Amino acid sequence: TAELAEARIRYLVEEAGFYDSSWLAAEGLIDPDRFTAMFGVFALA
């Protein structure tokens, strides 16, 4: 599951380049260093 998260994040950041192209980042409204990943579990019952 962690591998899946890492692969998706790497694509978002390095391949799609979201933060490099986002006007929100350029204007200081978001900072990549303040992002995390969410890891969930379900079907416990």
All heavy atoms as atom14 arrays in JSON, in Angstrom:
{
  "sequence": "TAELAEARIRYLVEEAGFYDSSWLAAEGLIDPDRFTAMFGVFALA",
  "atom14_mask": [
    [1, 1, 1, 1, 1, 1, 1, 0, 0, 0, 0, 0, 0, 0],
    [1, 1, 1, 1, 1, 0, 0, 0, 0, 0, 0, 0, 0, 0],
    [1, 1, 1, 1, 1, 1, 1, 1, 1, 0, 0, 0, 0, 0],
    [1, 1, 1, 1, 1, 1, 1, 1, 0, 0, 0, 0, 0, 0],
    [1, 1, 1, 1, 1, 0, 0, 0, 0, 0, 0, 0, 0, 0],
    [1, 1, 1, 1, 1, 1, 1, 1, 1, 0, 0, 0, 0, 0],
    [1, 1, 1, 1, 1, 0, 0, 0, 0, 0, 0, 0, 0, 0],
    [1, 1, 1, 1, 1, 1, 1, 1, 1, 1, 1, 0, 0, 0],
    [1, 1, 1, 1, 1, 1, 1, 1, 0, 0, 0, 0, 0, 0],
    [1, 1, 1, 1, 1, 1, 1, 1, 1, 1, 1, 0, 0, 0],
    [1, 1, 1, 1, 1, 1, 1, 1, 1, 1, 1, 1, 0, 0],
    [1, 1, 1, 1, 1, 1, 1, 1, 0, 0, 0, 0, 0, 0],
    [1, 1, 1, 1, 1, 1, 1, 0, 0, 0, 0, 0, 0, 0],
    [1, 1, 1, 1, 1, 1, 1, 1, 1, 0, 0, 0, 0, 0],
    [1, 1, 1, 1, 1, 1, 1, 1, 1, 0, 0, 0, 0, 0],
    [1, 1, 1, 1, 1, 0, 0, 0, 0, 0, 0, 0, 0, 0],
    [1, 1, 1, 1, 0, 0, 0, 0, 0, 0, 0, 0, 0, 0],
    [1, 1, 1, 1, 1, 1, 1, 1, 1, 1, 1, 0, 0, 0],
    [1, 1, 1, 1, 1, 1, 1, 1, 1, 1, 1, 1, 0, 0],
    [1, 1, 1, 1, 1, 1, 1, 1, 0, 0, 0, 0, 0, 0],
    [1, 1, 1, 1, 1, 1, 0, 0, 0, 0, 0, 0, 0, 0],
    [1, 1, 1, 1, 1, 1, 0, 0, 0, 0, 0, 0, 0, 0],
    [1, 1, 1, 1, 1, 1, 1, 1, 1, 1, 1, 1, 1, 1],
    [1, 1, 1, 1, 1, 1, 1, 1, 0, 0, 0, 0, 0, 0],
    [1, 1, 1, 1, 1, 0, 0, 0, 0, 0, 0, 0, 0, 0],
    [1, 1, 1, 1, 1, 0, 0, 0, 0, 0, 0, 0, 0, 0],
    [1, 1, 1, 1, 1, 1, 1, 1, 1, 0, 0, 0, 0, 0],
    [1, 1, 1, 1, 0, 0, 0, 0, 0, 0, 0, 0, 0, 0],
    [1, 1, 1, 1, 1, 1, 1, 1, 0, 0, 0, 0, 0, 0],
    [1, 1, 1, 1, 1, 1, 1, 1, 0, 0, 0, 0, 0, 0],
    [1, 1, 1, 1, 1, 1, 1, 1, 0, 0, 0, 0, 0, 0],
    [1, 1, 1, 1, 1, 1, 1, 0, 0, 0, 0, 0, 0, 0],
    [1, 1, 1, 1, 1, 1, 1, 1, 0, 0, 0, 0, 0, 0],
    [1, 1, 1, 1, 1, 1, 1, 1, 1, 1, 1, 0, 0, 0],
    [1, 1, 1, 1, 1, 1, 1, 1, 1, 1, 1, 0, 0, 0],
    [1, 1, 1, 1, 1, 1, 1, 0, 0, 0, 0, 0, 0, 0],
    [1, 1, 1, 1, 1, 0, 0, 0, 0, 0, 0, 0, 0, 0],
    [1, 1, 1, 1, 1, 1, 1, 1, 0, 0, 0, 0, 0, 0],
    [1, 1, 1, 1, 1, 1, 1, 1, 1, 1, 1, 0, 0, 0],
    [1, 1, 1, 1, 0, 0, 0, 0, 0, 0, 0, 0, 0, 0],
    [1, 1, 1, 1, 1, 1, 1, 0, 0, 0, 0, 0, 0, 0],
    [1, 1, 1, 1, 1, 1, 1, 1, 1, 1, 1, 0, 0, 0],
    [1, 1, 1, 1, 1, 0, 0, 0, 0, 0, 0, 0, 0, 0],
    [1, 1, 1, 1, 1, 1, 1, 1, 0, 0, 0, 0, 0, 0],
    [1, 1, 1, 1, 1, 0, 0, 0, 0, 0, 0, 0, 0, 0]
  ],
  "atom14_positions": [
    [[0.84, -1.21, 0.0], [0.0, 0.0, 0.0], [0.86, 1.25, 0.0], [0.59, 2.22, -0.71], [-0.94, 0.0, 1.21], [-1.59, -1.27, 1.33], [-2.01, 1.08, 1.06], [0.0, 0.0, 0.0], [0.0, 0.0, 0.0], [0.0, 0.0, 0.0], [0.0, 0.0, 0.0], [0.0, 0.0, 0.0], [0.0, 0.0, 0.0], [0.0, 0.0, 0.0]],
    [[1.93, 1.23, 0.8], [2.85, 2.36, 0.83], [3.55, 2.54, -0.51], [3.78, 3.68, -0.96], [3.87, 2.16, 1.95], [0.0, 0.0, 0.0], [0.0, 0.0, 0.0], [0.0, 0.0, 0.0], [0.0, 0.0, 0.0], [0.0, 0.0, 0.0], [0.0, 0.0, 0.0], [0.0, 0.0, 0.0], [0.0, 0.0, 0.0], [0.0, 0.0, 0.0]],
    [[3.89, 1.44, -1.16], [4.51, 1.53, -2.49], [3.56, 2.21, -3.48], [3.99, 3.03, -4.3], [4.88, 0.13, -3.0], [5.5, 0.15, -4.39], [5.7, -1.24, -4.98], [5.74, -2.21, -4.21], [5.81, -1.34, -6.22], [0.0, 0.0, 0.0], [0.0, 0.0, 0.0], [0.0, 0.0, 0.0], [0.0, 0.0, 0.0], [0.0, 0.0, 0.0]],
    [[2.3, 1.85, -3.41], [1.31, 2.47, -4.29], [1.24, 3.98, -4.05], [1.23, 4.77, -5.01], [-0.06, 1.83, -4.07], [-1.21, 2.39, -4.89], [-0.99, 2.16, -6.38], [-2.54, 1.79, -4.45], [0.0, 0.0, 0.0], [0.0, 0.0, 0.0], [0.0, 0.0, 0.0], [0.0, 0.0, 0.0], [0.0, 0.0, 0.0], [0.0, 0.0, 0.0]],
    [[1.21, 4.38, -2.79], [1.18, 5.81, -2.47], [2.4, 6.52, -3.02], [2.32, 7.6, -3.61], [1.06, 6.0, -0.96], [0.0, 0.0, 0.0], [0.0, 0.0, 0.0], [0.0, 0.0, 0.0], [0.0, 0.0, 0.0], [0.0, 0.0, 0.0], [0.0, 0.0, 0.0], [0.0, 0.0, 0.0], [0.0, 0.0, 0.0], [0.0, 0.0, 0.0]],
    [[3.57, 5.92, -2.82], [4.81, 6.55, -3.27], [4.81, 6.72, -4.79], [5.22, 7.77, -5.31], [6.01, 5.73, -2.83], [7.33, 6.36, -3.26], [8.54, 5.56, -2.84], [8.36, 4.52, -2.17], [9.67, 5.96, -3.19], [0.0, 0.0, 0.0], [0.0, 0.0, 0.0], [0.0, 0.0, 0.0], [0.0, 0.0, 0.0], [0.0, 0.0, 0.0]],
    [[4.36, 5.71, -5.5], [4.34, 5.79, -6.96], [3.41, 6.91, -7.43], [3.74, 7.66, -8.37], [3.9, 4.45, -7.55], [0.0, 0.0, 0.0], [0.0, 0.0, 0.0], [0.0, 0.0, 0.0], [0.0, 0.0, 0.0], [0.0, 0.0, 0.0], [0.0, 0.0, 0.0], [0.0, 0.0, 0.0], [0.0, 0.0, 0.0], [0.0, 0.0, 0.0]],
    [[2.27, 7.04, -6.79], [1.32, 8.08, -7.19], [1.87, 9.47, -6.86], [1.72, 10.41, -7.65], [-0.03, 7.84, -6.5], [-0.72, 6.57, -6.97], [-2.08, 6.35, -6.31], [-3.01, 7.41, -6.66], [-3.69, 7.48, -7.81], [-3.54, 6.53, -8.72], [-4.52, 8.45, -8.04], [0.0, 0.0, 0.0], [0.0, 0.0, 0.0], [0.0, 0.0, 0.0]],
    [[2.5, 9.6, -5.71], [3.07, 10.9, -5.34], [4.21, 11.27, -6.28], [4.32, 12.43, -6.72], [3.55, 10.88, -3.88], [2.38, 10.71, -2.93], [4.31, 12.15, -3.54], [2.78, 10.4, -1.51], [0.0, 0.0, 0.0], [0.0, 0.0, 0.0], [0.0, 0.0, 0.0], [0.0, 0.0, 0.0], [0.0, 0.0, 0.0], [0.0, 0.0, 0.0]],
    [[5.08, 10.32, -6.56], [6.21, 10.6, -7.45], [5.72, 11.08, -8.81], [6.28, 12.02, -9.4], [7.08, 9.35, -7.59], [8.42, 9.62, -8.27], [9.24, 8.34, -8.36], [9.49, 7.78, -7.05], [10.44, 8.22, -6.22], [11.2, 9.23, -6.57], [10.6, 7.64, -5.04], [0.0, 0.0, 0.0], [0.0, 0.0, 0.0], [0.0, 0.0, 0.0]],
    [[4.66, 10.44, -9.32], [4.13, 10.88, -10.62], [3.57, 12.29, -10.52], [3.84, 13.15, -11.38], [3.05, 9.91, -11.11], [2.6, 10.24, -12.52], [3.23, 9.66, -13.61], [1.57, 11.15, -12.75], [2.85, 9.98, -14.91], [1.19, 11.48, -14.04], [1.82, 10.88, -15.11], [1.46, 11.22, -16.39], [0.0, 0.0, 0.0], [0.0, 0.0, 0.0]],
    [[2.78, 12.55, -9.49], [2.18, 13.87, -9.31], [3.23, 14.97, -9.25], [3.11, 16.01, -9.91], [1.34, 13.88, -8.02], [0.79, 15.23, -7.56], [-0.32, 15.69, -8.48], [0.3, 15.14, -6.12], [0.0, 0.0, 0.0], [0.0, 0.0, 0.0], [0.0, 0.0, 0.0], [0.0, 0.0, 0.0], [0.0, 0.0, 0.0], [0.0, 0.0, 0.0]],
    [[4.29, 14.73, -8.48], [5.29, 15.76, -8.22], [6.3, 15.86, -9.36], [6.61, 16.96, -9.83], [6.0, 15.49, -6.88], [7.12, 16.5, -6.65], [5.01, 15.53, -5.73], [0.0, 0.0, 0.0], [0.0, 0.0, 0.0], [0.0, 0.0, 0.0], [0.0, 0.0, 0.0], [0.0, 0.0, 0.0], [0.0, 0.0, 0.0], [0.0, 0.0, 0.0]],
    [[6.81, 14.71, -9.82], [7.94, 14.74, -10.74], [7.54, 14.65, -12.2], [8.2, 15.26, -13.05], [8.9, 13.6, -10.39], [9.49, 13.72, -8.98], [10.42, 12.57, -8.64], [10.64, 11.7, -9.52], [10.93, 12.55, -7.5], [0.0, 0.0, 0.0], [0.0, 0.0, 0.0], [0.0, 0.0, 0.0], [0.0, 0.0, 0.0], [0.0, 0.0, 0.0]],
    [[6.51, 13.88, -12.51], [6.11, 13.72, -13.92], [5.05, 14.73, -14.33], [5.22, 15.45, -15.31], [5.61, 12.28, -14.15], [6.62, 11.2, -13.79], [7.91, 11.33, -14.57], [7.85, 11.72, -15.76], [8.98, 11.03, -14.0], [0.0, 0.0, 0.0], [0.0, 0.0, 0.0], [0.0, 0.0, 0.0], [0.0, 0.0, 0.0], [0.0, 0.0, 0.0]],
    [[3.96, 14.79, -13.58], [2.92, 15.78, -13.9], [3.35, 17.18, -13.52], [2.85, 18.16, -14.08], [1.61, 15.41, -13.2], [0.0, 0.0, 0.0], [0.0, 0.0, 0.0], [0.0, 0.0, 0.0], [0.0, 0.0, 0.0], [0.0, 0.0, 0.0], [0.0, 0.0, 0.0], [0.0, 0.0, 0.0], [0.0, 0.0, 0.0], [0.0, 0.0, 0.0]],
    [[4.26, 17.31, -12.55], [4.8, 18.61, -12.18], [3.76, 19.58, -11.65], [3.82, 20.77, -11.95], [0.0, 0.0, 0.0], [0.0, 0.0, 0.0], [0.0, 0.0, 0.0], [0.0, 0.0, 0.0], [0.0, 0.0, 0.0], [0.0, 0.0, 0.0], [0.0, 0.0, 0.0], [0.0, 0.0, 0.0], [0.0, 0.0, 0.0], [0.0, 0.0, 0.0]],
    [[2.84, 19.06, -10.84], [1.74, 19.93, -10.39], [2.25, 21.17, -9.68], [1.82, 22.3, -9.98], [0.8, 19.15, -9.47], [-0.27, 20.02, -8.85], [-1.4, 20.35, -9.57], [-0.11, 20.55, -7.57], [-2.37, 21.19, -9.02], [-1.08, 21.38, -7.02], [-2.21, 21.7, -7.74], [0.0, 0.0, 0.0], [0.0, 0.0, 0.0], [0.0, 0.0, 0.0]],
    [[3.15, 21.0, -8.73], [3.57, 22.15, -7.91], [4.45, 23.12, -8.69], [4.48, 24.31, -8.38], [4.28, 21.65, -6.65], [3.4, 20.74, -5.84], [3.54, 19.35, -5.92], [2.37, 21.24, -5.05], [2.7, 18.51, -5.2], [1.53, 20.4, -4.34], [1.7, 19.03, -4.42], [0.86, 18.2, -3.73], [0.0, 0.0, 0.0], [0.0, 0.0, 0.0]],
    [[5.14, 22.64, -9.72], [5.95, 23.53, -10.55], [5.08, 24.42, -11.44], [5.51, 25.51, -11.82], [6.88, 22.71, -11.45], [7.92, 21.95, -10.65], [8.28, 22.41, -9.54], [8.37, 20.88, -11.11], [0.0, 0.0, 0.0], [0.0, 0.0, 0.0], [0.0, 0.0, 0.0], [0.0, 0.0, 0.0], [0.0, 0.0, 0.0], [0.0, 0.0, 0.0]],
    [[3.88, 23.96, -11.74], [3.04, 24.7, -12.68], [1.84, 25.38, -12.02], [1.1, 26.1, -12.69], [2.53, 23.75, -13.77], [1.76, 22.7, -13.21], [0.0, 0.0, 0.0], [0.0, 0.0, 0.0], [0.0, 0.0, 0.0], [0.0, 0.0, 0.0], [0.0, 0.0, 0.0], [0.0, 0.0, 0.0], [0.0, 0.0, 0.0], [0.0, 0.0, 0.0]],
    [[1.63, 25.16, -10.73], [0.44, 25.67, -10.06], [0.58, 27.14, -9.69], [1.56, 27.54, -9.04], [0.17, 24.85, -8.79], [-0.85, 25.45, -8.02], [0.0, 0.0, 0.0], [0.0, 0.0, 0.0], [0.0, 0.0, 0.0], [0.0, 0.0, 0.0], [0.0, 0.0, 0.0], [0.0, 0.0, 0.0], [0.0, 0.0, 0.0], [0.0, 0.0, 0.0]],
    [[-0.43, 27.93, -10.02], [-0.43, 29.33, -9.62], [-0.58, 29.47, -8.12], [-0.1, 30.45, -7.52], [-1.55, 30.1, -10.33], [-2.93, 29.75, -9.89], [-3.71, 28.73, -10.35], [-3.71, 30.41, -8.89], [-4.92, 28.72, -9.71], [-4.95, 29.74, -8.8], [-3.48, 31.52, -8.06], [-5.96, 30.13, -7.93], [-4.48, 31.91, -7.19], [-5.7, 31.22, -7.12]],
    [[-1.2, 28.5, -7.49], [-1.33, 28.53, -6.03], [0.04, 28.46, -5.35], [0.29, 29.16, -4.36], [-2.21, 27.37, -5.56], [-3.67, 27.42, -6.0], [-4.32, 26.06, -5.83], [-4.43, 28.48, -5.21], [0.0, 0.0, 0.0], [0.0, 0.0, 0.0], [0.0, 0.0, 0.0], [0.0, 0.0, 0.0], [0.0, 0.0, 0.0], [0.0, 0.0, 0.0]],
    [[0.92, 27.63, -5.87], [2.27, 27.55, -5.33], [3.05, 28.82, -5.66], [3.78, 29.35, -4.81], [2.98, 26.31, -5.88], [0.0, 0.0, 0.0], [0.0, 0.0, 0.0], [0.0, 0.0, 0.0], [0.0, 0.0, 0.0], [0.0, 0.0, 0.0], [0.0, 0.0, 0.0], [0.0, 0.0, 0.0], [0.0, 0.0, 0.0], [0.0, 0.0, 0.0]],
    [[2.89, 29.32, -6.87], [3.62, 30.52, -7.27], [3.25, 31.73, -6.41], [4.1, 32.58, -6.13], [3.35, 30.82, -8.75], [0.0, 0.0, 0.0], [0.0, 0.0, 0.0], [0.0, 0.0, 0.0], [0.0, 0.0, 0.0], [0.0, 0.0, 0.0], [0.0, 0.0, 0.0], [0.0, 0.0, 0.0], [0.0, 0.0, 0.0], [0.0, 0.0, 0.0]],
    [[2.01, 31.8, -5.95], [1.56, 32.93, -5.14], [1.64, 32.65, -3.64], [1.16, 33.44, -2.83], [0.14, 33.33, -5.54], [0.07, 33.81, -6.99], [-1.25, 34.48, -7.36], [-2.08, 34.71, -6.46], [-1.43, 34.78, -8.56], [0.0, 0.0, 0.0], [0.0, 0.0, 0.0], [0.0, 0.0, 0.0], [0.0, 0.0, 0.0], [0.0, 0.0, 0.0]],
    [[2.26, 31.53, -3.26], [2.48, 31.23, -1.86], [1.26, 30.75, -1.1], [1.27, 30.74, 0.13], [0.0, 0.0, 0.0], [0.0, 0.0, 0.0], [0.0, 0.0, 0.0], [0.0, 0.0, 0.0], [0.0, 0.0, 0.0], [0.0, 0.0, 0.0], [0.0, 0.0, 0.0], [0.0, 0.0, 0.0], [0.0, 0.0, 0.0], [0.0, 0.0, 0.0]],
    [[0.22, 30.32, -1.81], [-1.0, 29.85, -1.14], [-0.92, 28.38, -0.76], [-1.69, 27.91, 0.08], [-2.22, 30.1, -2.03], [-2.41, 31.54, -2.5], [-3.72, 31.68, -3.27], [-2.35, 32.53, -1.35], [0.0, 0.0, 0.0], [0.0, 0.0, 0.0], [0.0, 0.0, 0.0], [0.0, 0.0, 0.0], [0.0, 0.0, 0.0], [0.0, 0.0, 0.0]],
    [[-0.01, 27.63, -1.4], [0.29, 26.26, -0.99], [1.8, 26.08, -1.03], [2.53, 26.81, -1.73], [-0.38, 25.2, -1.89], [0.07, 25.36, -3.34], [-1.89, 25.26, -1.77], [-0.38, 24.22, -4.25], [0.0, 0.0, 0.0], [0.0, 0.0, 0.0], [0.0, 0.0, 0.0], [0.0, 0.0, 0.0], [0.0, 0.0, 0.0], [0.0, 0.0, 0.0]],
    [[2.28, 25.1, -0.25], [3.7, 24.78, -0.18], [3.83, 23.26, -0.22], [3.24, 22.58, 0.63], [4.29, 25.33, 1.12], [5.78, 25.05, 1.27], [6.3, 24.19, 0.54], [6.42, 25.69, 2.12], [0.0, 0.0, 0.0], [0.0, 0.0, 0.0], [0.0, 0.0, 0.0], [0.0, 0.0, 0.0], [0.0, 0.0, 0.0], [0.0, 0.0, 0.0]],
    [[4.56, 22.68, -1.18], [4.68, 21.22, -1.25], [5.16, 20.58, 0.04], [4.81, 19.43, 0.34], [5.69, 21.01, -2.38], [5.66, 22.25, -3.19], [5.3, 23.36, -2.26], [0.0, 0.0, 0.0], [0.0, 0.0, 0.0], [0.0, 0.0, 0.0], [0.0, 0.0, 0.0], [0.0, 0.0, 0.0], [0.0, 0.0, 0.0], [0.0, 0.0, 0.0]],
    [[5.95, 21.31, 0.83], [6.45, 20.75, 2.08], [5.37, 20.57, 3.13], [5.61, 19.92, 4.16], [7.57, 21.63, 2.65], [8.83, 21.59, 1.8], [9.01, 20.6, 1.07], [9.63, 22.55, 1.85], [0.0, 0.0, 0.0], [0.0, 0.0, 0.0], [0.0, 0.0, 0.0], [0.0, 0.0, 0.0], [0.0, 0.0, 0.0], [0.0, 0.0, 0.0]],
    [[4.19, 21.15, 2.91], [3.09, 21.02, 3.88], [2.06, 19.97, 3.44], [0.98, 19.9, 3.99], [2.42, 22.38, 4.11], [3.36, 23.39, 4.77], [2.69, 24.72, 5.05], [1.63, 24.63, 6.04], [1.83, 24.58, 7.35], [3.07, 24.58, 7.84], [0.81, 24.54, 8.2], [0.0, 0.0, 0.0], [0.0, 0.0, 0.0], [0.0, 0.0, 0.0]],
    [[2.43, 19.17, 2.45], [1.56, 18.09, 1.99], [2.02, 16.77, 2.58], [3.19, 16.56, 2.87], [1.58, 17.99, 0.46], [0.69, 19.0, -0.22], [1.09, 20.32, -0.32], [-0.53, 18.63, -0.74], [0.28, 21.26, -0.95], [-1.35, 19.56, -1.36], [-0.95, 20.88, -1.46], [0.0, 0.0, 0.0], [0.0, 0.0, 0.0], [0.0, 0.0, 0.0]],
    [[1.07, 15.86, 2.74], [1.34, 14.52, 3.21], [0.59, 13.54, 2.32], [0.05, 13.92, 1.28], [0.88, 14.37, 4.68], [1.29, 13.08, 5.17], [-0.63, 14.51, 4.82], [0.0, 0.0, 0.0], [0.0, 0.0, 0.0], [0.0, 0.0, 0.0], [0.0, 0.0, 0.0], [0.0, 0.0, 0.0], [0.0, 0.0, 0.0], [0.0, 0.0, 0.0]],
    [[0.59, 12.27, 2.7], [-0.24, 11.26, 2.03], [-1.19, 10.67, 3.06], [-0.88, 10.62, 4.25], [0.62, 10.17, 1.42], [0.0, 0.0, 0.0], [0.0, 0.0, 0.0], [0.0, 0.0, 0.0], [0.0, 0.0, 0.0], [0.0, 0.0, 0.0], [0.0, 0.0, 0.0], [0.0, 0.0, 0.0], [0.0, 0.0, 0.0], [0.0, 0.0, 0.0]],
    [[-2.33, 10.22, 2.62], [-3.32, 9.61, 3.51], [-3.35, 8.11, 3.27], [-3.41, 7.64, 2.12], [-4.69, 10.24, 3.28], [-4.68, 11.74, 3.53], [-6.22, 12.55, 3.08], [-7.3, 11.9, 4.34], [0.0, 0.0, 0.0], [0.0, 0.0, 0.0], [0.0, 0.0, 0.0], [0.0, 0.0, 0.0], [0.0, 0.0, 0.0], [0.0, 0.0, 0.0]],
    [[-3.29, 7.35, 4.36], [-3.24, 5.89, 4.32], [-4.42, 5.38, 5.12], [-4.53, 5.65, 6.32], [-1.92, 5.42, 4.96], [-1.64, 3.95, 4.82], [-0.56, 3.51, 4.08], [-2.43, 3.01, 5.45], [-0.28, 2.16, 3.95], [-2.17, 1.66, 5.34], [-1.08, 1.23, 4.59], [0.0, 0.0, 0.0], [0.0, 0.0, 0.0], [0.0, 0.0, 0.0]],
    [[-5.31, 4.65, 4.47], [-6.51, 4.19, 5.15], [-6.62, 2.68, 5.16], [-5.97, 1.97, 4.38], [0.0, 0.0, 0.0], [0.0, 0.0, 0.0], [0.0, 0.0, 0.0], [0.0, 0.0, 0.0], [0.0, 0.0, 0.0], [0.0, 0.0, 0.0], [0.0, 0.0, 0.0], [0.0, 0.0, 0.0], [0.0, 0.0, 0.0], [0.0, 0.0, 0.0]],
    [[-7.44, 2.18, 6.07], [-7.81, 0.76, 6.09], [-9.32, 0.69, 6.12], [-9.99, 1.57, 6.67], [-7.2, 0.02, 7.29], [-5.69, 0.01, 7.23], [-7.68, 0.63, 8.61], [0.0, 0.0, 0.0], [0.0, 0.0, 0.0], [0.0, 0.0, 0.0], [0.0, 0.0, 0.0], [0.0, 0.0, 0.0], [0.0, 0.0, 0.0], [0.0, 0.0, 0.0]],
    [[-9.87, -0.36, 5.52], [-11.32, -0.55, 5.59], [-11.62, -2.04, 5.62], [-10.74, -2.88, 5.48], [-12.05, 0.16, 4.45], [-11.82, -0.42, 3.08], [-12.79, -1.19, 2.46], [-10.64, -0.14, 2.39], [-12.6, -1.7, 1.19], [-10.45, -0.65, 1.11], [-11.42, -1.44, 0.52], [0.0, 0.0, 0.0], [0.0, 0.0, 0.0], [0.0, 0.0, 0.0]],
    [[-12.89, -2.37, 5.87], [-13.38, -3.75, 6.0], [-12.82, -4.42, 7.26], [-12.59, -5.63, 7.27], [-13.06, -4.57, 4.76], [0.0, 0.0, 0.0], [0.0, 0.0, 0.0], [0.0, 0.0, 0.0], [0.0, 0.0, 0.0], [0.0, 0.0, 0.0], [0.0, 0.0, 0.0], [0.0, 0.0, 0.0], [0.0, 0.0, 0.0], [0.0, 0.0, 0.0]],
    [[-12.62, -3.65, 8.31], [-12.15, -4.21, 9.57], [-13.17, -5.18, 10.17], [-12.83, -6.28, 10.6], [-11.85, -3.09, 10.57], [-11.46, -3.52, 11.99], [-10.19, -4.35, 11.96], [-11.29, -2.3, 12.88], [0.0, 0.0, 0.0], [0.0, 0.0, 0.0], [0.0, 0.0, 0.0], [0.0, 0.0, 0.0], [0.0, 0.0, 0.0], [0.0, 0.0, 0.0]],
    [[-14.45, -4.81, 10.16], [-15.48, -5.67, 10.73], [-15.56, -6.98, 9.96], [-15.65, -8.06, 10.56], [-16.83, -4.96, 10.7], [0.0, 0.0, 0.0], [0.0, 0.0, 0.0], [0.0, 0.0, 0.0], [0.0, 0.0, 0.0], [0.0, 0.0, 0.0], [0.0, 0.0, 0.0], [0.0, 0.0, 0.0], [0.0, 0.0, 0.0], [0.0, 0.0, 0.0]]
  ]
}
